[in-house]
Amino acid sequence: MTWHFERDQLALDLIASLPLEAQFAFFNLIPRLEEDPDAVTQPHGLDVEGPVRMRSATLPGAITILLISDNTRRINLVAVINPSAQP
């Protein structure tokens, strides 16, 4: 079974909220995510053992937060963080 990036409405809205350069970078990241999501992301938050984990990927001007499920082999984009907007 291969990995699948979920292209749901939330993901599309979050991608659309990214700066243009980050949008292109994210679309280039998707095939690599579907190949091996752990190789192209870093742990995010608590890095605990289990079938579901949070990972992050740094893009130009943004950090994306992904939910990765070993059971379903799905990858969901759940948040975008703009580091320059942080207090």
PDB file of N, CA and C in Angstrom:
ATOM      1  N   MET A   1       0.847  -1.178   0.000  1.00  0.00           N
ATOM      2  CA  MET A   1       0.000   0.000   0.000  1.00  0.00           C
ATOM      3  C   MET A   1       0.895   1.245   0.000  1.00  0.00           C
ATOM      4  N   THR A   2       0.548   2.213  -0.831  1.00  0.00           N
ATOM      5  CA  THR A   2       1.344   3.431  -0.910  1.00  0.00           C
ATOM      6  C   THR A   2       0.724   4.532  -0.061  1.00  0.00           C
ATOM      7  N   TRP A   3       1.497   5.571   0.180  1.00  0.00           N
ATOM      8  CA  TRP A   3       1.020   6.723   0.932  1.00  0.00           C
ATOM      9  C   TRP A   3       0.163   7.600   0.025  1.00  0.00           C
ATOM     10  N   HIS A   4      -0.791   8.313   0.639  1.00  0.00           N
ATOM     11  CA  HIS A   4      -1.675   9.192  -0.131  1.00  0.00           C
ATOM     12  C   HIS A   4      -1.867  10.506   0.618  1.00  0.00           C
ATOM     13  N   PHE A   5      -1.552  11.627  -0.049  1.00  0.00           N
ATOM     14  CA  PHE A   5      -1.817  12.937   0.524  1.00  0.00           C
ATOM     15  C   PHE A   5      -3.272  13.287   0.248  1.00  0.00           C
ATOM     16  N   GLU A   6      -4.036  13.562   1.307  1.00  0.00           N
ATOM     17  CA  GLU A   6      -5.459  13.896   1.181  1.00  0.00           C
ATOM     18  C   GLU A   6      -5.621  15.317   0.658  1.00  0.00           C
ATOM     19  N   ARG A   7      -6.229  15.437  -0.491  1.00  0.00           N
ATOM     20  CA  ARG A   7      -6.476  16.743  -1.101  1.00  0.00           C
ATOM     21  C   ARG A   7      -7.906  17.181  -0.792  1.00  0.00           C
ATOM     22  N   ASP A   8      -8.193  17.345   0.499  1.00  0.00           N
ATOM     23  CA  ASP A   8      -9.540  17.751   0.921  1.00  0.00           C
ATOM     24  C   ASP A   8      -9.648  19.273   0.934  1.00  0.00           C
ATOM     25  N   GLN A   9     -10.838  19.785   1.233  1.00  0.00           N
ATOM     26  CA  GLN A   9     -11.058  21.228   1.179  1.00  0.00           C
ATOM     27  C   GLN A   9     -10.176  21.984   2.170  1.00  0.00           C
ATOM     28  N   LEU A  10      -9.984  21.425   3.368  1.00  0.00           N
ATOM     29  CA  LEU A  10      -9.109  22.079   4.346  1.00  0.00           C
ATOM     30  C   LEU A  10      -7.701  22.214   3.786  1.00  0.00           C
ATOM     31  N   ALA A  11      -7.175  21.137   3.219  1.00  0.00           N
ATOM     32  CA  ALA A  11      -5.823  21.182   2.660  1.00  0.00           C
ATOM     33  C   ALA A  11      -5.726  22.217   1.545  1.00  0.00           C
ATOM     34  N   LEU A  12      -6.706  22.232   0.658  1.00  0.00           N
ATOM     35  CA  LEU A  12      -6.681  23.192  -0.447  1.00  0.00           C
ATOM     36  C   LEU A  12      -6.749  24.625   0.060  1.00  0.00           C
ATOM     37  N   ASP A  13      -7.587  24.872   1.080  1.00  0.00           N
ATOM     38  CA  ASP A  13      -7.685  26.213   1.661  1.00  0.00           C
ATOM     39  C   ASP A  13      -6.375  26.623   2.336  1.00  0.00           C
ATOM     40  N   LEU A  14      -5.758  25.683   3.055  1.00  0.00           N
ATOM     41  CA  LEU A  14      -4.487  25.985   3.726  1.00  0.00           C
ATOM     42  C   LEU A  14      -3.379  26.253   2.708  1.00  0.00           C
ATOM     43  N   ILE A  15      -3.344  25.463   1.652  1.00  0.00           N
ATOM     44  CA  ILE A  15      -2.336  25.678   0.610  1.00  0.00           C
ATOM     45  C   ILE A  15      -2.551  27.039  -0.047  1.00  0.00           C
ATOM     46  N   ALA A  16      -3.808  27.393  -0.295  1.00  0.00           N
ATOM     47  CA  ALA A  16      -4.119  28.690  -0.911  1.00  0.00           C
ATOM     48  C   ALA A  16      -3.709  29.856  -0.011  1.00  0.00           C
ATOM     49  N   SER A  17      -3.652  29.624   1.302  1.00  0.00           N
ATOM     50  CA  SER A  17      -3.271  30.694   2.234  1.00  0.00           C
ATOM     51  C   SER A  17      -1.761  30.928   2.275  1.00  0.00           C
ATOM     52  N   LEU A  18      -0.997  30.022   1.687  1.00  0.00           N
ATOM     53  CA  LEU A  18       0.463  30.145   1.681  1.00  0.00           C
ATOM     54  C   LEU A  18       0.918  31.213   0.687  1.00  0.00           C
ATOM     55  N   PRO A  19       2.080  31.826   0.937  1.00  0.00           N
ATOM     56  CA  PRO A  19       2.667  32.697  -0.086  1.00  0.00           C
ATOM     57  C   PRO A  19       2.914  31.867  -1.356  1.00  0.00           C
ATOM     58  N   LEU A  20       2.926  32.515  -2.502  1.00  0.00           N
ATOM     59  CA  LEU A  20       3.033  31.817  -3.781  1.00  0.00           C
ATOM     60  C   LEU A  20       4.245  30.889  -3.845  1.00  0.00           C
ATOM     61  N   GLU A  21       5.392  31.360  -3.385  1.00  0.00           N
ATOM     62  CA  GLU A  21       6.605  30.532  -3.409  1.00  0.00           C
ATOM     63  C   GLU A  21       6.427  29.266  -2.564  1.00  0.00           C
ATOM     64  N   ALA A  22       5.767  29.396  -1.422  1.00  0.00           N
ATOM     65  CA  ALA A  22       5.518  28.245  -0.553  1.00  0.00           C
ATOM     66  C   ALA A  22       4.504  27.293  -1.182  1.00  0.00           C
ATOM     67  N   GLN A  23       3.528  27.826  -1.918  1.00  0.00           N
ATOM     68  CA  GLN A  23       2.563  26.961  -2.611  1.00  0.00           C
ATOM     69  C   GLN A  23       3.287  26.051  -3.599  1.00  0.00           C
ATOM     70  N   PHE A  24       4.175  26.641  -4.410  1.00  0.00           N
ATOM     71  CA  PHE A  24       4.936  25.839  -5.367  1.00  0.00           C
ATOM     72  C   PHE A  24       5.802  24.815  -4.645  1.00  0.00           C
ATOM     73  N   ALA A  25       6.440  25.221  -3.561  1.00  0.00           N
ATOM     74  CA  ALA A  25       7.285  24.302  -2.791  1.00  0.00           C
ATOM     75  C   ALA A  25       6.457  23.153  -2.220  1.00  0.00           C
ATOM     76  N   PHE A  26       5.240  23.461  -1.738  1.00  0.00           N
ATOM     77  CA  PHE A  26       4.410  22.403  -1.169  1.00  0.00           C
ATOM     78  C   PHE A  26       3.964  21.421  -2.248  1.00  0.00           C
ATOM     79  N   PHE A  27       3.540  21.938  -3.410  1.00  0.00           N
ATOM     80  CA  PHE A  27       3.121  21.032  -4.489  1.00  0.00           C
ATOM     81  C   PHE A  27       4.286  20.164  -4.961  1.00  0.00           C
ATOM     82  N   ASN A  28       5.505  20.677  -4.906  1.00  0.00           N
ATOM     83  CA  ASN A  28       6.678  19.863  -5.227  1.00  0.00           C
ATOM     84  C   ASN A  28       6.973  18.846  -4.129  1.00  0.00           C
ATOM     85  N   LEU A  29       6.550  19.136  -2.906  1.00  0.00           N
ATOM     86  CA  LEU A  29       6.776  18.239  -1.770  1.00  0.00           C
ATOM     87  C   LEU A  29       5.822  17.033  -1.785  1.00  0.00           C
ATOM     88  N   ILE A  30       4.624  17.197  -2.335  1.00  0.00           N
ATOM     89  CA  ILE A  30       3.599  16.141  -2.271  1.00  0.00           C
ATOM     90  C   ILE A  30       4.099  14.792  -2.795  1.00  0.00           C
ATOM     91  N   PRO A  31       4.721  14.696  -3.980  1.00  0.00           N
ATOM     92  CA  PRO A  31       5.187  13.375  -4.435  1.00  0.00           C
ATOM     93  C   PRO A  31       6.202  12.747  -3.483  1.00  0.00           C
ATOM     94  N   ARG A  32       7.050  13.571  -2.882  1.00  0.00           N
ATOM     95  CA  ARG A  32       8.033  13.043  -1.928  1.00  0.00           C
ATOM     96  C   ARG A  32       7.354  12.604  -0.641  1.00  0.00           C
ATOM     97  N   LEU A  33       6.299  13.327  -0.217  1.00  0.00           N
ATOM     98  CA  LEU A  33       5.522  12.906   0.954  1.00  0.00           C
ATOM     99  C   LEU A  33       4.897  11.541   0.704  1.00  0.00           C
ATOM    100  N   GLU A  34       4.351  11.354  -0.492  1.00  0.00           N
ATOM    101  CA  GLU A  34       3.674  10.096  -0.812  1.00  0.00           C
ATOM    102  C   GLU A  34       4.653   8.942  -0.996  1.00  0.00           C
ATOM    103  N   GLU A  35       5.915   9.261  -1.184  1.00  0.00           N
ATOM    104  CA  GLU A  35       6.947   8.235  -1.274  1.00  0.00           C
ATOM    105  C   GLU A  35       7.376   7.779   0.120  1.00  0.00           C
ATOM    106  N   ASP A  36       7.734   8.740   0.986  1.00  0.00           N
ATOM    107  CA  ASP A  36       8.149   8.441   2.361  1.00  0.00           C
ATOM    108  C   ASP A  36       7.983   9.701   3.208  1.00  0.00           C
ATOM    109  N   PRO A  37       6.837   9.851   3.887  1.00  0.00           N
ATOM    110  CA  PRO A  37       6.571  11.092   4.613  1.00  0.00           C
ATOM    111  C   PRO A  37       7.561  11.384   5.741  1.00  0.00           C
ATOM    112  N   ASP A  38       8.127  10.368   6.348  1.00  0.00           N
ATOM    113  CA  ASP A  38       9.061  10.603   7.450  1.00  0.00           C
ATOM    114  C   ASP A  38      10.422  11.093   6.964  1.00  0.00           C
ATOM    115  N   ALA A  39      10.762  10.793   5.715  1.00  0.00           N
ATOM    116  CA  ALA A  39      12.061  11.207   5.179  1.00  0.00           C
ATOM    117  C   ALA A  39      12.105  12.698   4.855  1.00  0.00           C
ATOM    118  N   VAL A  40      10.948  13.303   4.588  1.00  0.00           N
ATOM    119  CA  VAL A  40      10.924  14.712   4.155  1.00  0.00           C
ATOM    120  C   VAL A  40      10.267  15.637   5.172  1.00  0.00           C
ATOM    121  N   THR A  41      10.020  15.128   6.387  1.00  0.00           N
ATOM    122  CA  THR A  41       9.411  15.936   7.444  1.00  0.00           C
ATOM    123  C   THR A  41      10.192  15.750   8.742  1.00  0.00           C
ATOM    124  N   GLN A  42       9.868  16.596   9.727  1.00  0.00           N
ATOM    125  CA  GLN A  42      10.482  16.503  11.047  1.00  0.00           C
ATOM    126  C   GLN A  42       9.377  16.257  12.071  1.00  0.00           C
ATOM    127  N   PRO A  43       9.714  15.638  13.222  1.00  0.00           N
ATOM    128  CA  PRO A  43       8.712  15.474  14.279  1.00  0.00           C
ATOM    129  C   PRO A  43       8.165  16.832  14.714  1.00  0.00           C
ATOM    130  N   HIS A  44       6.897  16.865  15.075  1.00  0.00           N
ATOM    131  CA  HIS A  44       6.269  18.099  15.558  1.00  0.00           C
ATOM    132  C   HIS A  44       5.560  17.796  16.869  1.00  0.00           C
ATOM    133  N   GLY A  45       5.825  18.590  17.879  1.00  0.00           N
ATOM    134  CA  GLY A  45       5.205  18.355  19.185  1.00  0.00           C
ATOM    135  C   GLY A  45       5.827  17.139  19.841  1.00  0.00           C
ATOM    136  N   LEU A  46       5.012  16.354  20.519  1.00  0.00           N
ATOM    137  CA  LEU A  46       5.499  15.139  21.161  1.00  0.00           C
ATOM    138  C   LEU A  46       5.767  14.087  20.103  1.00  0.00           C
ATOM    139  N   ASP A  47       6.967  13.569  20.077  1.00  0.00           N
ATOM    140  CA  ASP A  47       7.336  12.531  19.116  1.00  0.00           C
ATOM    141  C   ASP A  47       7.162  11.179  19.795  1.00  0.00           C
ATOM    142  N   VAL A  48       5.925  10.676  19.793  1.00  0.00           N
ATOM    143  CA  VAL A  48       5.616   9.428  20.492  1.00  0.00           C
ATOM    144  C   VAL A  48       5.417   8.296  19.493  1.00  0.00           C
ATOM    145  N   GLU A  49       5.715   7.094  19.941  1.00  0.00           N
ATOM    146  CA  GLU A  49       5.495   5.904  19.124  1.00  0.00           C
ATOM    147  C   GLU A  49       4.002   5.703  18.918  1.00  0.00           C
ATOM    148  N   GLY A  50       3.618   5.231  17.763  1.00  0.00           N
ATOM    149  CA  GLY A  50       2.213   4.946  17.520  1.00  0.00           C
ATOM    150  C   GLY A  50       1.873   5.035  16.048  1.00  0.00           C
ATOM    151  N   PRO A  51       0.652   4.636  15.700  1.00  0.00           N
ATOM    152  CA  PRO A  51       0.260   4.601  14.293  1.00  0.00           C
ATOM    153  C   PRO A  51      -0.089   5.970  13.707  1.00  0.00           C
ATOM    154  N   VAL A  52      -0.268   6.994  14.555  1.00  0.00           N
ATOM    155  CA  VAL A  52      -0.598   8.337  14.069  1.00  0.00           C
ATOM    156  C   VAL A  52       0.387   9.320  14.691  1.00  0.00           C
ATOM    157  N   ARG A  53       0.929  10.204  13.868  1.00  0.00           N
ATOM    158  CA  ARG A  53       1.906  11.156  14.387  1.00  0.00           C
ATOM    159  C   ARG A  53       1.791  12.491  13.655  1.00  0.00           C
ATOM    160  N   MET A  54       2.248  13.532  14.352  1.00  0.00           N
ATOM    161  CA  MET A  54       2.296  14.873  13.781  1.00  0.00           C
ATOM    162  C   MET A  54       3.714  15.109  13.279  1.00  0.00           C
ATOM    163  N   ARG A  55       3.816  15.664  12.092  1.00  0.00           N
ATOM    164  CA  ARG A  55       5.114  15.987  11.504  1.00  0.00           C
ATOM    165  C   ARG A  55       5.029  17.388  10.906  1.00  0.00           C
ATOM    166  N   SER A  56       6.154  18.021  10.707  1.00  0.00           N
ATOM    167  CA  SER A  56       6.154  19.350  10.094  1.00  0.00           C
ATOM    168  C   SER A  56       7.120  19.368   8.915  1.00  0.00           C
ATOM    169  N   ALA A  57       6.822  20.258   7.989  1.00  0.00           N
ATOM    170  CA  ALA A  57       7.696  20.496   6.841  1.00  0.00           C
ATOM    171  C   ALA A  57       7.866  22.002   6.709  1.00  0.00           C
ATOM    172  N   THR A  58       9.100  22.432   6.598  1.00  0.00           N
ATOM    173  CA  THR A  58       9.392  23.856   6.480  1.00  0.00           C
ATOM    174  C   THR A  58       9.433  24.247   5.010  1.00  0.00           C
ATOM    175  N   LEU A  59       8.687  25.291   4.691  1.00  0.00           N
ATOM    176  CA  LEU A  59       8.625  25.833   3.337  1.00  0.00           C
ATOM    177  C   LEU A  59       9.124  27.271   3.376  1.00  0.00           C
ATOM    178  N   PRO A  60       9.346  27.896   2.227  1.00  0.00           N
ATOM    179  CA  PRO A  60       9.725  29.315   2.235  1.00  0.00           C
ATOM    180  C   PRO A  60       8.620  30.164   2.873  1.00  0.00           C
ATOM    181  N   GLY A  61       8.882  30.718   4.032  1.00  0.00           N
ATOM    182  CA  GLY A  61       7.928  31.603   4.695  1.00  0.00           C
ATOM    183  C   GLY A  61       6.812  30.929   5.459  1.00  0.00           C
ATOM    184  N   ALA A  62       6.857  29.612   5.624  1.00  0.00           N
ATOM    185  CA  ALA A  62       5.778  28.924   6.344  1.00  0.00           C
ATOM    186  C   ALA A  62       6.243  27.556   6.834  1.00  0.00           C
ATOM    187  N   ILE A  63       5.538  27.074   7.842  1.00  0.00           N
ATOM    188  CA  ILE A  63       5.743  25.714   8.342  1.00  0.00           C
ATOM    189  C   ILE A  63       4.402  25.007   8.227  1.00  0.00           C
ATOM    190  N   THR A  64       4.399  23.824   7.625  1.00  0.00           N
ATOM    191  CA  THR A  64       3.163  23.053   7.500  1.00  0.00           C
ATOM    192  C   THR A  64       3.159  21.943   8.537  1.00  0.00           C
ATOM    193  N   ILE A  65       1.989  21.682   9.100  1.00  0.00           N
ATOM    194  CA  ILE A  65       1.821  20.616  10.086  1.00  0.00           C
ATOM    195  C   ILE A  65       0.979  19.523   9.435  1.00  0.00           C
ATOM    196  N   LEU A  66       1.481  18.301   9.495  1.00  0.00           N
ATOM    197  CA  LEU A  66       0.838  17.169   8.835  1.00  0.00           C
ATOM    198  C   LEU A  66       0.500  16.087   9.846  1.00  0.00           C
ATOM    199  N   LEU A  67      -0.618  15.430   9.632  1.00  0.00           N
ATOM    200  CA  LEU A  67      -1.025  14.278  10.430  1.00  0.00           C
ATOM    201  C   LEU A  67      -0.810  13.054   9.549  1.00  0.00           C
ATOM    202  N   ILE A  68      -0.005  12.109  10.033  1.00  0.00           N
ATOM    203  CA  ILE A  68       0.352  10.935   9.248  1.00  0.00           C
ATOM    204  C   ILE A  68      -0.161   9.691   9.959  1.00  0.00           C
ATOM    205  N   SER A  69      -0.903   8.860   9.228  1.00  0.00           N
ATOM    206  CA  SER A  69      -1.477   7.641   9.797  1.00  0.00           C
ATOM    207  C   SER A  69      -0.868   6.414   9.131  1.00  0.00           C
ATOM    208  N   ASP A  70      -0.220   5.563   9.930  1.00  0.00           N
ATOM    209  CA  ASP A  70       0.325   4.315   9.403  1.00  0.00           C
ATOM    210  C   ASP A  70      -0.779   3.339   9.028  1.00  0.00           C
ATOM    211  N   ASN A  71      -1.893   3.357   9.761  1.00  0.00           N
ATOM    212  CA  ASN A  71      -2.981   2.411   9.503  1.00  0.00           C
ATOM    213  C   ASN A  71      -3.643   2.648   8.153  1.00  0.00           C
ATOM    214  N   THR A  72      -3.937   3.899   7.838  1.00  0.00           N
ATOM    215  CA  THR A  72      -4.625   4.212   6.581  1.00  0.00           C
ATOM    216  C   THR A  72      -3.664   4.622   5.478  1.00  0.00           C
ATOM    217  N   ARG A  73      -2.394   4.902   5.851  1.00  0.00           N
ATOM    218  CA  ARG A  73      -1.366   5.371   4.918  1.00  0.00           C
ATOM    219  C   ARG A  73      -1.768   6.699   4.281  1.00  0.00           C
ATOM    220  N   ARG A  74      -2.450   7.532   5.078  1.00  0.00           N
ATOM    221  CA  ARG A  74      -2.891   8.843   4.603  1.00  0.00           C
ATOM    222  C   ARG A  74      -2.119   9.950   5.305  1.00  0.00           C
ATOM    223  N   ILE A  75      -1.952  11.032   4.581  1.00  0.00           N
ATOM    224  CA  ILE A  75      -1.262  12.218   5.081  1.00  0.00           C
ATOM    225  C   ILE A  75      -2.231  13.382   4.959  1.00  0.00           C
ATOM    226  N   ASN A  76      -2.496  14.062   6.069  1.00  0.00           N
ATOM    227  CA  ASN A  76      -3.416  15.199   6.068  1.00  0.00           C
ATOM    228  C   ASN A  76      -2.681  16.464   6.476  1.00  0.00           C
ATOM    229  N   LEU A  77      -2.886  17.526   5.713  1.00  0.00           N
ATOM    230  CA  LEU A  77      -2.392  18.846   6.094  1.00  0.00           C
ATOM    231  C   LEU A  77      -3.394  19.416   7.083  1.00  0.00           C
ATOM    232  N   VAL A  78      -2.938  19.734   8.301  1.00  0.00           N
ATOM    233  CA  VAL A  78      -3.875  20.197   9.333  1.00  0.00           C
ATOM    234  C   VAL A  78      -3.653  21.642   9.757  1.00  0.00           C
ATOM    235  N   ALA A  79      -2.487  22.215   9.462  1.00  0.00           N
ATOM    236  CA  ALA A  79      -2.244  23.604   9.863  1.00  0.00           C
ATOM    237  C   ALA A  79      -1.068  24.177   9.089  1.00  0.00           C
ATOM    238  N   VAL A  80      -1.082  25.493   8.988  1.00  0.00           N
ATOM    239  CA  VAL A  80       0.032  26.244   8.418  1.00  0.00           C
ATOM    240  C   VAL A  80       0.412  27.308   9.434  1.00  0.00           C
ATOM    241  N   ILE A  81       1.699  27.389   9.735  1.00  0.00           N
ATOM    242  CA  ILE A  81       2.197  28.387  10.678  1.00  0.00           C
ATOM    243  C   ILE A  81       3.058  29.373   9.903  1.00  0.00           C
ATOM    244  N   ASN A  82       2.780  30.652  10.102  1.00  0.00           N
ATOM    245  CA  ASN A  82       3.582  31.710   9.499  1.00  0.00           C
ATOM    246  C   ASN A  82       4.533  32.213  10.576  1.00  0.00           C
ATOM    247  N   PRO A  83       5.808  31.804  10.537  1.00  0.00           N
ATOM    248  CA  PRO A  83       6.737  32.177  11.609  1.00  0.00           C
ATOM    249  C   PRO A  83       6.893  33.684  11.787  1.00  0.00           C
ATOM    250  N   SER A  84       6.773  34.452  10.729  1.00  0.00           N
ATOM    251  CA  SER A  84       6.946  35.899  10.855  1.00  0.00           C
ATOM    252  C   SER A  84       5.763  36.557  11.554  1.00  0.00           C
ATOM    253  N   ALA A  85       4.623  35.863  11.640  1.00  0.00           N
ATOM    254  CA  ALA A  85       3.439  36.419  12.304  1.00  0.00           C
ATOM    255  C   ALA A  85       3.386  36.068  13.787  1.00  0.00           C
ATOM    256  N   GLN A  86       4.325  35.241  14.257  1.00  0.00           N
ATOM    257  CA  GLN A  86       4.332  34.842  15.666  1.00  0.00           C
ATOM    258  C   GLN A  86       4.772  36.021  16.529  1.00  0.00           C
ATOM    259  N   PRO A  87       4.157  36.191  17.734  1.00  0.00           N
ATOM    260  CA  PRO A  87       4.538  37.315  18.609  1.00  0.00           C
ATOM    261  C   PRO A  87       5.935  37.161  19.166  1.00  0.00           C
TER     262      PRO A  87
END
